[in-house]
Protein backbone atom coordinates (compact mmCIF):
# COMPACT_ATOMS: atom_id res chain seq x y z
CA MET A 1 -102.10 31.24 -39.42
CA LEU A 2 -98.51 31.85 -40.51
CA SER A 3 -97.74 34.67 -42.68
CA MET A 4 -95.60 34.48 -45.78
CA GLY A 5 -92.62 36.08 -43.95
CA THR A 6 -92.80 33.57 -41.14
CA SER A 7 -92.80 30.60 -43.53
CA ARG A 8 -89.63 31.95 -45.23
CA VAL A 9 -87.75 32.08 -41.87
CA VAL A 10 -88.76 28.48 -41.06
CA LEU A 11 -87.68 27.32 -44.51
CA THR A 12 -84.29 29.05 -44.21
CA ALA A 13 -83.64 27.54 -40.80
CA GLY A 14 -84.55 24.11 -42.12
CA SER A 15 -82.16 24.47 -45.03
CA ILE A 16 -79.26 25.32 -42.65
CA ILE A 17 -80.01 22.24 -40.53
CA VAL A 18 -80.05 20.04 -43.64
CA LEU A 19 -76.69 21.46 -44.81
CA ILE A 20 -75.10 20.86 -41.37
CA LEU A 21 -76.39 17.27 -41.33
CA MET A 22 -75.09 16.68 -44.85
CA THR A 23 -71.65 18.04 -43.84
CA LEU A 24 -71.50 15.81 -40.75
CA LEU A 25 -72.54 12.80 -42.79
CA SER A 26 -69.90 13.66 -45.39
CA ASN A 27 -67.12 13.96 -42.76
CA SER A 28 -68.16 10.76 -41.01
CA GLY A 29 -67.84 8.91 -44.30
CA ARG A 30 -64.34 10.23 -45.21
CA GLY A 31 -61.91 7.45 -46.30
CA LEU A 32 -58.73 6.74 -44.26
CA ASP A 33 -55.28 7.81 -45.50
CA SER A 34 -52.56 5.16 -45.86
CA PHE A 35 -48.78 5.40 -45.84
CA THR A 36 -46.01 2.83 -46.28
CA GLY A 37 -42.53 3.56 -44.95
CA LEU A 38 -39.50 2.33 -43.10
CA CYS A 39 -39.48 2.99 -39.37
CA ILE A 40 -36.32 4.99 -38.72
CA SER A 41 -36.86 5.83 -35.06
CA SER A 42 -39.20 5.09 -32.20
CA SER A 43 -39.37 6.51 -28.71
CA GLY A 44 -42.16 5.83 -26.28
CA SER A 45 -45.43 6.15 -28.22
CA PHE A 46 -43.91 8.16 -31.08
CA SER A 47 -42.31 6.79 -34.26
CA LEU A 48 -41.10 8.11 -37.61
CA LEU A 49 -41.71 6.43 -40.96
CA THR A 50 -40.13 7.44 -44.25
CA ASP A 51 -40.34 6.24 -47.84
CA GLY A 52 -37.30 8.24 -48.85
CA ASN A 53 -39.47 11.05 -50.16
CA ARG A 54 -41.76 11.93 -47.28
CA THR A 55 -41.51 11.42 -43.52
CA LEU A 56 -44.54 10.76 -41.34
CA ALA A 57 -44.81 11.03 -37.56
CA VAL A 58 -46.92 8.16 -36.22
CA TYR A 59 -48.31 8.14 -32.70
CA THR A 60 -47.64 4.49 -31.86
CA PRO A 61 -44.53 2.49 -30.89
CA LEU A 62 -42.90 0.65 -33.83
CA SER A 63 -39.67 -1.28 -34.47
CA PRO A 64 -36.89 0.63 -36.28
CA GLY A 65 -35.70 -1.15 -39.40
CA THR A 66 -39.14 -2.58 -40.22
CA VAL A 67 -41.46 -1.45 -43.04
CA TYR A 68 -45.07 -0.69 -42.02
CA ARG A 69 -48.31 0.24 -43.73
CA VAL A 70 -50.34 2.52 -41.50
CA GLU A 71 -53.90 3.79 -41.97
CA GLY A 72 -55.49 6.78 -40.35
CA VAL A 73 -56.16 10.45 -40.92
CA MET A 74 -53.10 12.46 -41.89
CA ARG A 75 -52.88 15.92 -40.44
CA LYS A 76 -50.51 18.72 -41.42
CA SER A 77 -48.57 20.42 -38.65
CA ARG A 78 -45.76 22.94 -38.55
CA SER A 79 -43.21 20.15 -38.28
CA GLY A 80 -44.71 18.00 -41.07
CA TRP A 81 -47.32 15.29 -41.49
CA ALA A 82 -48.61 13.23 -38.56
CA MET A 83 -51.06 10.39 -38.03
CA ARG A 84 -52.73 8.63 -35.15
CA PRO A 85 -53.17 5.27 -36.92
CA VAL A 86 -56.22 3.03 -36.61
CA HIS A 87 -54.50 0.14 -38.40
CA VAL A 88 -50.80 -0.88 -38.54
CA ALA A 89 -49.27 -3.84 -40.41
CA GLU A 90 -45.79 -4.96 -41.42
CA THR A 91 -45.37 -5.10 -45.18
CA PRO A 92 -42.71 -5.42 -47.89
CA PRO A 93 -41.50 -2.06 -49.22
CA THR A 94 -43.63 -0.58 -51.99
CA PHE A 95 -41.34 2.44 -52.43
CA PRO A 96 -38.03 2.54 -54.35
CA LEU A 97 -34.85 1.59 -52.47
CA TYR A 98 -31.42 3.08 -53.03
CA HIS A 99 -28.43 0.78 -53.49
CA VAL A 100 -25.00 1.79 -52.15
CA GLN A 101 -21.80 -0.16 -51.55
CA GLY A 102 -18.61 0.47 -49.63
CA ALA A 103 -16.69 -0.46 -46.50
CA TYR A 104 -18.31 -0.55 -43.07
CA TRP A 105 -16.56 1.82 -40.67
CA PRO A 106 -17.98 2.13 -37.12
CA SER A 107 -15.95 5.04 -35.76
CA ARG A 108 -17.59 7.91 -33.86
CA GLY A 109 -20.87 6.67 -35.25
CA CYS A 110 -21.43 4.06 -37.93
CA HIS A 111 -20.49 4.91 -41.52
CA LEU A 112 -20.01 3.49 -44.96
CA LEU A 113 -16.86 4.60 -46.80
CA THR A 114 -17.05 4.78 -50.57
CA PRO A 115 -14.44 6.48 -49.91
CA GLN A 116 -16.80 9.40 -49.20
CA LYS A 117 -18.23 8.98 -45.71
CA ILE A 118 -21.93 8.09 -45.58
CA ARG A 119 -23.50 8.27 -42.14
CA LEU A 120 -25.78 5.33 -41.41
CA GLY A 121 -29.00 5.59 -39.46
CA TRP A 122 -27.97 2.62 -37.30
CA CYS A 123 -25.06 0.26 -36.84
CA LEU A 124 -24.92 -3.11 -38.55
CA PRO A 125 -23.79 -6.61 -37.50
CA ALA A 126 -20.65 -6.48 -39.66
CA GLU A 127 -16.89 -6.27 -39.05
CA LYS A 128 -14.96 -3.06 -39.25
CA GLY A 129 -13.55 -2.59 -42.75
CA GLU A 130 -15.78 -5.26 -44.32
CA TYR A 131 -17.28 -4.47 -47.71
CA LEU A 132 -21.08 -4.29 -47.82
CA GLU A 133 -23.88 -3.77 -50.34
CA LEU A 134 -26.76 -1.86 -48.79
CA ASP A 135 -30.38 -1.28 -49.76
CA GLY A 136 -32.31 1.41 -47.98
CA VAL A 137 -33.60 4.96 -48.03
CA TRP A 138 -32.21 8.43 -47.41
CA GLU A 139 -33.63 10.72 -44.78
CA GLY A 140 -31.74 13.96 -44.54
CA ASN A 141 -28.02 13.19 -44.66
CA ARG A 142 -28.38 9.68 -43.23
CA PHE A 143 -28.86 6.39 -44.98
CA TYR A 144 -31.21 3.94 -43.31
CA VAL A 145 -30.49 0.33 -44.18
CA LEU A 146 -33.30 -2.08 -44.84
CA ASP A 147 -31.18 -4.97 -46.10
CA PHE A 148 -27.50 -5.68 -46.77
CA THR A 149 -25.10 -8.34 -48.00
CA ARG A 150 -21.51 -8.89 -46.83
CA GLY A 151 -18.64 -8.99 -49.28
CA GLY A 152 -15.62 -9.78 -47.08
CA PHE A 153 -12.35 -7.88 -46.88
CA PRO A 154 -10.38 -6.52 -49.86
CA ARG A 155 -7.04 -8.13 -50.65
CA ASN A 156 -5.45 -4.99 -52.06
CA PRO A 157 -5.42 -1.46 -50.63
CA ARG A 158 -7.31 1.44 -52.18
CA ASP A 159 -6.52 5.04 -51.34
CA GLY A 160 -8.91 6.34 -48.71
CA MET A 161 -10.52 2.96 -48.10
CA PRO A 162 -10.27 0.54 -45.17
CA TRP A 163 -7.75 -2.28 -45.44
CA MET A 164 -6.78 -5.11 -43.12
CA VAL A 165 -3.24 -6.46 -43.21
CA GLU A 166 -1.06 -8.90 -41.28
CA GLY A 167 2.66 -8.53 -40.81
CA VAL A 168 5.69 -8.10 -38.58
CA ILE A 169 6.81 -4.83 -37.00
CA LEU A 170 10.28 -4.02 -38.37
CA SER A 171 10.96 -0.78 -36.52
CA VAL A 172 9.44 1.79 -34.18
CA GLY A 173 10.35 5.32 -33.19
CA ARG A 174 10.40 8.02 -35.85
CA ARG A 175 8.32 5.75 -38.05
CA THR A 176 6.58 2.50 -37.29
CA ILE A 177 7.16 0.08 -40.15
CA LEU A 178 5.26 -3.16 -40.76
CA TRP A 179 6.40 -5.82 -43.23
CA ASN A 180 3.51 -7.71 -44.84
CA GLY A 181 5.69 -10.22 -46.66
CA SER A 182 6.24 -8.15 -49.79
CA GLU A 183 6.55 -4.47 -48.87
CA GLU A 184 7.02 -2.00 -46.04
CA ILE A 185 3.92 -0.23 -44.72
CA VAL A 186 4.11 2.91 -42.57
CA LEU A 187 1.72 2.74 -39.61
CA TYR A 188 0.14 5.80 -38.01
CA LEU A 189 -1.05 4.41 -34.69
CA PRO A 190 -3.49 6.09 -32.29
CA TYR A 191 -2.04 7.92 -29.30
CA GLY A 192 -0.93 5.59 -26.52
CA THR A 193 -0.60 2.51 -28.74
CA SER A 194 2.82 0.87 -28.49
CA VAL A 195 4.22 -2.07 -30.43
CA THR A 196 7.65 -3.73 -30.41
CA PRO A 197 9.84 -4.97 -33.27
CA GLY A 198 9.33 -8.63 -34.04
CA VAL A 199 5.69 -8.76 -32.98
CA ARG A 200 3.21 -10.04 -35.58
CA LEU A 201 0.01 -8.01 -35.93
CA ARG A 202 -3.36 -8.10 -37.62
CA ILE A 203 -4.28 -4.46 -38.10
CA ALA A 204 -7.05 -2.44 -39.78
CA GLY A 205 -6.94 1.16 -40.91
CA ILE A 206 -7.46 3.58 -43.78
CA ALA A 207 -4.95 3.10 -46.62
CA ARG A 208 -3.13 6.16 -47.92
CA PHE A 209 -0.67 6.31 -50.78
CA TYR A 210 1.95 8.79 -49.58
CA SER A 211 5.63 8.35 -50.49
CA LYS A 212 5.11 4.86 -49.07
CA LEU A 213 1.93 2.87 -48.59
CA SER A 214 0.59 3.99 -45.20
CA LEU A 215 -2.16 2.84 -42.87
CA LEU A 216 -4.00 5.30 -40.62
CA VAL A 217 -5.19 3.29 -37.63
CA ASP A 218 -8.30 4.62 -35.93
CA SER A 219 -8.41 2.77 -32.60
CA LYS A 220 -6.35 0.56 -30.29
CA ASP A 221 -9.04 -2.06 -30.84
CA ASP A 222 -7.97 -2.28 -34.49
CA VAL A 223 -4.52 -3.56 -33.49
CA GLU A 224 -4.39 -7.28 -32.66
CA VAL A 225 -1.23 -9.14 -31.64
CA ILE A 226 -1.26 -12.59 -33.26
CA GLY A 227 2.26 -13.84 -32.50
CA ARG A 228 5.96 -13.31 -33.06
CA SER A 229 8.17 -13.42 -36.13
CA ARG A 230 9.48 -16.78 -37.32
CA LYS A 231 12.92 -17.82 -36.11
CA ALA A 232 15.43 -19.11 -38.66
CA PRO A 233 19.21 -19.41 -39.05
CA LEU A 234 20.75 -16.30 -40.57
CA SER A 235 21.42 -18.05 -43.87
CA GLU A 236 17.74 -19.04 -44.20
CA ALA A 237 16.01 -15.99 -42.70
CA GLY A 238 14.00 -13.63 -44.86
CA VAL A 239 12.79 -10.10 -44.17
CA GLY A 240 10.48 -10.17 -41.16
CA ASP A 241 12.07 -13.31 -39.69
CA THR A 242 14.15 -13.46 -36.53
CA ALA A 243 17.63 -14.51 -37.68
CA THR A 244 19.86 -16.47 -35.32
CA GLY A 245 23.63 -16.85 -35.45
CA THR A 246 27.03 -16.53 -33.80
CA CYS A 247 29.41 -14.18 -35.63
CA MET A 248 32.51 -12.07 -35.10
CA VAL A 249 32.38 -8.28 -35.11
CA THR A 250 34.75 -6.94 -37.75
CA SER A 251 34.10 -3.20 -37.39
CA VAL A 252 32.00 -0.74 -35.44
CA GLY A 253 30.24 2.31 -36.82
CA ARG A 254 26.61 2.73 -37.67
CA GLY A 255 25.85 -0.71 -36.31
CA LEU A 256 28.14 -3.69 -35.97
CA ARG A 257 29.68 -5.24 -39.06
CA LEU A 258 29.85 -9.02 -38.82
CA ASN A 259 31.96 -11.61 -40.62
CA CYS A 260 28.88 -13.65 -41.55
CA THR A 261 26.69 -11.10 -43.36
CA SER A 262 26.94 -7.92 -45.40
CA ILE A 263 24.26 -6.07 -43.42
CA PRO A 264 24.92 -4.35 -40.07
CA LEU A 265 23.55 -5.36 -36.69
CA TYR A 266 21.87 -2.62 -34.63
CA GLY A 267 20.78 -2.53 -31.01
CA PHE A 268 23.86 -4.08 -29.37
CA SER A 269 27.34 -2.88 -28.39
CA ALA A 270 30.55 -4.84 -28.94
CA ARG A 271 34.16 -4.32 -30.10
CA PRO A 272 35.92 -5.51 -33.23
CA GLY A 273 37.03 -9.08 -32.56
CA ASP A 274 34.24 -9.87 -30.11
CA VAL A 275 32.01 -12.80 -31.04
CA VAL A 276 28.29 -12.12 -30.65
CA ARG A 277 25.48 -14.64 -30.36
CA PHE A 278 22.29 -13.01 -31.59
CA GLU A 279 18.62 -13.25 -32.30
CA ALA A 280 17.88 -10.30 -34.56
CA LEU A 281 14.95 -9.16 -36.66
CA LYS A 282 15.95 -9.17 -40.30
CA ARG A 283 15.07 -5.99 -42.14
CA PRO A 284 15.68 -5.18 -45.83
CA SER A 285 19.12 -3.66 -45.15
CA SER A 286 19.94 -4.39 -41.51
CA LEU A 287 19.50 -6.62 -38.49
CA LEU A 288 17.86 -5.37 -35.29
CA CYS A 289 18.93 -7.14 -32.14
CA THR A 290 16.10 -8.60 -30.06
CA ASP A 291 18.21 -10.91 -27.88
CA CYS A 292 21.99 -10.58 -28.18
CA SER A 293 24.88 -11.54 -25.92
CA LEU A 294 28.67 -11.54 -25.96
CA TRP A 295 29.69 -15.12 -26.64
CA ARG A 296 33.50 -14.67 -26.65
CA ARG A 297 35.67 -11.64 -25.92
CA ARG A 298 38.30 -10.65 -28.44
CA GLU A 299 41.05 -11.11 -25.85
CA GLU A 300 40.52 -14.86 -26.24
CA LEU A 301 41.52 -14.83 -29.92
CA ILE A 302 44.79 -16.58 -30.78
CA ASN A 303 47.69 -14.55 -32.15
CA GLY A 304 47.24 -14.59 -35.93
CA ILE A 305 50.45 -12.78 -36.94
CA CYS A 306 51.72 -15.90 -38.70
CA ASN A 307 48.43 -16.53 -40.53
CA PHE A 308 48.40 -13.67 -43.03
CA GLU A 309 45.28 -13.64 -45.24
CA PRO A 310 44.20 -10.38 -46.92
CA GLY A 311 40.75 -9.24 -45.80
CA LYS A 312 40.65 -11.51 -42.76
CA PHE A 313 40.00 -10.10 -39.31
CA ALA A 314 42.57 -11.17 -36.71
CA LYS A 315 44.41 -10.44 -33.51
CA VAL A 316 48.06 -9.55 -33.93
CA LYS A 317 50.58 -9.43 -31.06
CA GLY A 318 54.28 -8.81 -31.25
CA GLY A 319 57.22 -6.54 -30.59
CA VAL A 320 57.86 -3.29 -32.39
CA GLU A 321 61.06 -3.61 -34.49
CA TRP A 322 60.96 -0.08 -35.88
CA VAL A 323 58.59 2.84 -36.45
CA LYS A 324 58.58 5.30 -39.33
CA VAL A 325 56.33 8.41 -39.51
CA TYR A 326 55.95 10.45 -42.72
CA ARG A 327 55.45 14.21 -43.03
CA ASN A 328 51.71 13.86 -43.54
CA GLY A 329 51.42 12.09 -40.17
CA PHE A 330 50.97 8.60 -41.58
CA GLY A 331 53.20 5.98 -39.99
CA LEU A 332 54.32 2.36 -40.21
CA ALA A 333 55.44 0.01 -37.46
CA ASN A 334 57.05 -3.37 -38.04
CA ILE A 335 55.49 -5.88 -35.66
CA THR A 336 57.43 -9.13 -35.26
CA LYS A 337 56.80 -12.41 -33.49
CA ASP A 338 59.38 -15.17 -33.96
CA ASP A 339 59.81 -15.51 -37.74
CA CYS A 340 56.54 -13.74 -38.59
CA TRP A 341 56.09 -10.03 -39.19
CA VAL A 342 53.54 -7.53 -40.48
CA LEU A 343 53.49 -3.79 -41.14
CA LEU A 344 51.05 -2.01 -38.86
CA LYS A 345 49.53 0.99 -40.64
CA LEU A 346 49.25 3.99 -38.33
CA ARG A 347 46.83 6.61 -39.61
CA LYS A 348 47.22 10.03 -38.03
CA SER A 349 43.58 9.93 -36.95
CA LEU A 350 44.31 6.97 -34.64
CA GLY A 351 46.12 9.35 -32.29
CA VAL A 352 48.63 6.75 -31.07
CA GLN A 353 52.44 6.66 -30.91
CA LEU A 354 54.57 3.53 -30.77
CA SER A 355 58.22 3.04 -29.85
CA ALA A 356 60.75 0.39 -30.83
CA ASN A 357 60.96 -2.65 -28.53
CA GLU A 358 57.43 -2.03 -27.31
CA THR A 359 55.01 -4.99 -27.23
CA VAL A 360 51.62 -4.27 -28.80
CA THR A 361 48.34 -6.06 -29.38
CA ALA A 362 46.15 -5.01 -32.29
CA TYR A 363 42.70 -6.06 -33.52
CA GLY A 364 42.01 -5.42 -37.18
CA THR A 365 42.18 -6.69 -40.74
CA PHE A 366 45.04 -8.01 -42.86
CA THR A 367 45.78 -5.89 -45.93
CA THR A 368 48.80 -4.85 -48.02
CA TYR A 369 51.03 -1.81 -48.24
CA ARG A 370 52.98 -1.40 -51.50
CA GLY A 371 52.81 -5.14 -52.02
CA LEU A 372 53.95 -5.98 -48.50
CA ARG A 373 51.89 -7.73 -45.86
CA ALA A 374 50.21 -5.18 -43.59
CA PHE A 375 47.63 -4.85 -40.85
CA GLU A 376 45.08 -2.09 -40.27
CA VAL A 377 43.02 -1.22 -37.21
CA GLN A 378 39.78 0.75 -37.19
CA SER A 379 40.39 2.99 -34.18
CA GLY A 380 42.94 3.78 -31.50
CA GLY A 381 40.95 1.63 -29.08
CA ASP A 382 41.84 -1.44 -31.14
CA LEU A 383 45.55 -0.99 -30.46
CA CYS A 384 47.06 -1.30 -27.02
CA SER A 385 50.44 -1.69 -25.40
CA GLY A 386 51.34 -5.00 -23.83
CA SER A 387 48.96 -7.95 -23.47
CA CYS A 388 45.42 -6.62 -23.68
């Protein structure tokens, strides 16, 4: 027969067993946790989901860019929350999405420029510089895109934003200048990228408003050659066109001065009186030779001493009747051929001396001296003795 003390021990042991059973039954009946988020990465059997507020590690392979609802028991670890799900299903997002817009810029990673640079969680099927509207979530300093719409390319540049432009290269060297049909744009090209005047480009870069509108080009891949400048006769050519013509050189200095235009021709060498046939890129204040040749040498000009016309370039050949030199070094020589004559002006800077009865040939421009017909040469090289 049990004593009272023995019955108390049995009762206490029974109570402990009942409590353990109740605890086990309670744990076995615990409801599953659920979480809905966008998969932002997946590697092997490990994925990350985020709703923009909380990130959950899920021990199962998932597809990045897809929203899932997972069920299981969440457990807290040192690195955050984790779950080994018992049920996984794709679902529309039930969490708030952020909306951002800007220009797509895949350079050393994929970004959105607003113009602040937003780093994207993954690259998108869009063109570099294209404007996009994005919906997604933030995780850390990255934006993960769930959906986006394309808005095309901007027509006008904005400081610090991507811009695509087409035009003709006007010059290279100290500065590379592109003409887009209405203004000059300074190009800053990546190292190793070379272009030539007259080539037509389609080019993308970051617009900057310095002293002139500039374009900072990120990659050689952003420079596309789409043709050459349009050819047109000089009288019809506009800026960015290749002008064609055959003209006489009237003077030489910073470029060649021609008798057919008021702007100089650069990139070719000739003498006053030579006739040049050219194809030249027309710039706002000059021509740049792309294909030039000497069409006729000045020695082939006829003697124009009898065809005086102020301002006209000509070749003059005749005998020296007399020479007069003033104290300041300036001189005059009377050049005569048959019944025609002209006063040859001899600036001291020419560094030449003439003598009476000498035959000379000069290339220059008709002018006047104290109301008398005169002739002026540009340099000593345009005046020679004899037939030259």
